[in-house]
Amino acid sequence: MANQIVDWVLIAIPMFCFGYPFIMSWYWMVGGALYYFEREMAADRQGGPQPDEIWPPISILVPCYNEGENAAETLLTAAATPLPSDEQSSHHHSRRNTGSRC
């Protein structure tokens, strides 16, 4: 009896270790294909995303905790984004950090 249980466990563990990822990979591939055909192709038929001119403005928040050396470059890069932004601000929360130099 114990020998049969050991044999069953020695067969079941490799089957599970191979079978579960194999089945789940097919599940996710079929789900991804269905999503593409149902949602993304329908979005293309509707004209795709909106043009840049009518996007709503955004806010860019840059955390600057201990980033005094890199803050200027980061803020200049954020300012150079092609998106319409209403405001850009840097945030630092401690008196001892180097981010207050930005």
Protein backbone atom coordinates (compact mmCIF):
# COMPACT_ATOMS: atom_id res chain seq x y z
CA MET A 1 0.00 0.00 0.00
CA ALA A 2 2.73 2.48 0.93
CA ASN A 3 4.58 1.52 -2.22
CA GLN A 4 1.53 2.45 -4.35
CA ILE A 5 1.25 5.83 -2.64
CA VAL A 6 4.93 6.55 -3.27
CA ASP A 7 4.53 5.54 -6.92
CA TRP A 8 1.47 7.76 -7.28
CA VAL A 9 3.27 10.76 -5.70
CA LEU A 10 6.32 10.22 -7.91
CA ILE A 11 4.05 10.35 -10.97
CA ALA A 12 1.71 13.13 -9.79
CA ILE A 13 4.35 15.70 -8.85
CA PRO A 14 6.10 15.80 -12.26
CA MET A 15 2.73 15.78 -14.02
CA PHE A 16 1.60 18.78 -11.99
CA CYS A 17 4.93 20.61 -12.36
CA PHE A 18 4.75 20.24 -16.15
CA GLY A 19 1.00 20.12 -16.73
CA TYR A 20 -0.13 23.19 -14.77
CA PRO A 21 2.26 25.68 -16.46
CA PHE A 22 1.52 24.10 -19.84
CA ILE A 23 -2.26 24.45 -19.44
CA MET A 24 -1.99 27.96 -17.98
CA SER A 25 0.29 29.14 -20.79
CA TRP A 26 -2.33 28.06 -23.32
CA TYR A 27 -5.03 29.71 -21.22
CA TRP A 28 -3.19 33.04 -21.25
CA MET A 29 -2.29 32.83 -24.96
CA VAL A 30 -5.91 32.15 -25.95
CA GLY A 31 -7.10 34.91 -23.59
CA GLY A 32 -4.61 37.35 -25.11
CA ALA A 33 -5.70 36.47 -28.64
CA LEU A 34 -9.39 36.86 -27.72
CA TYR A 35 -8.67 40.23 -26.10
CA TYR A 36 -6.81 41.38 -29.20
CA PHE A 37 -9.57 40.35 -31.59
CA GLU A 38 -12.44 41.62 -29.42
CA ARG A 39 -11.06 44.83 -27.91
CA GLU A 40 -8.00 46.08 -29.79
CA MET A 41 -9.27 45.44 -33.30
CA ALA A 42 -12.56 47.08 -32.36
CA ALA A 43 -10.65 50.14 -31.12
CA ASP A 44 -8.86 50.37 -34.48
CA ARG A 45 -12.21 50.33 -36.29
CA GLN A 46 -13.39 53.20 -34.09
CA GLY A 47 -10.49 55.41 -35.14
CA GLY A 48 -7.87 54.56 -32.53
CA PRO A 49 -6.71 56.91 -29.80
CA GLN A 50 -7.51 60.60 -29.83
CA PRO A 51 -5.05 63.02 -31.42
CA ASP A 52 -2.66 64.98 -29.20
CA GLU A 53 -4.51 68.29 -29.54
CA ILE A 54 -7.54 67.21 -27.53
CA TRP A 55 -5.87 65.26 -24.71
CA PRO A 56 -6.65 66.63 -21.25
CA PRO A 57 -3.81 68.42 -19.45
CA ILE A 58 -1.81 66.42 -16.91
CA SER A 59 0.18 67.15 -13.77
CA ILE A 60 3.75 65.89 -13.43
CA LEU A 61 4.86 65.20 -9.86
CA VAL A 62 8.55 64.48 -9.28
CA PRO A 63 9.68 63.10 -5.89
CA CYS A 64 13.09 64.59 -5.00
CA TYR A 65 14.07 62.92 -1.73
CA ASN A 66 17.92 62.80 -1.67
CA GLU A 67 18.10 63.52 -5.40
CA GLY A 68 19.74 66.95 -5.41
CA GLU A 69 22.31 66.01 -8.06
CA ASN A 70 19.76 64.54 -10.47
CA ALA A 71 16.78 66.79 -9.82
CA ALA A 72 17.58 69.44 -12.43
CA GLU A 73 17.99 66.87 -15.20
CA THR A 74 14.80 65.09 -14.17
CA LEU A 75 12.73 68.28 -14.08
CA LEU A 76 14.09 69.43 -17.46
CA THR A 77 13.23 66.04 -18.96
CA ALA A 78 9.73 66.22 -17.50
CA ALA A 79 9.31 69.72 -18.94
CA ALA A 80 10.35 68.49 -22.39
CA THR A 81 7.54 65.93 -22.67
CA PRO A 82 5.24 66.47 -25.65
CA LEU A 83 2.15 66.07 -23.47
CA PRO A 84 0.13 69.13 -22.43
CA SER A 85 0.89 69.70 -18.77
CA ASP A 86 -0.80 72.23 -16.52
CA GLU A 87 1.71 72.03 -13.72
CA GLN A 88 5.00 70.44 -12.77
CA SER A 89 6.16 70.26 -9.20
CA SER A 90 8.94 68.66 -7.20
CA HIS A 91 8.32 67.29 -3.73
CA HIS A 92 10.73 66.76 -0.85
CA HIS A 93 9.69 65.91 2.69
CA SER A 94 12.72 66.21 4.94
CA ARG A 95 15.05 68.99 6.04
CA ARG A 96 18.11 66.75 5.88
CA ASN A 97 17.74 65.55 2.32
CA THR A 98 19.60 66.91 -0.69
CA GLY A 99 16.44 67.23 -2.76
CA SER A 100 15.74 70.66 -1.34
CA ARG A 101 18.45 72.06 -3.62
CA CYS A 102 16.26 71.54 -6.69
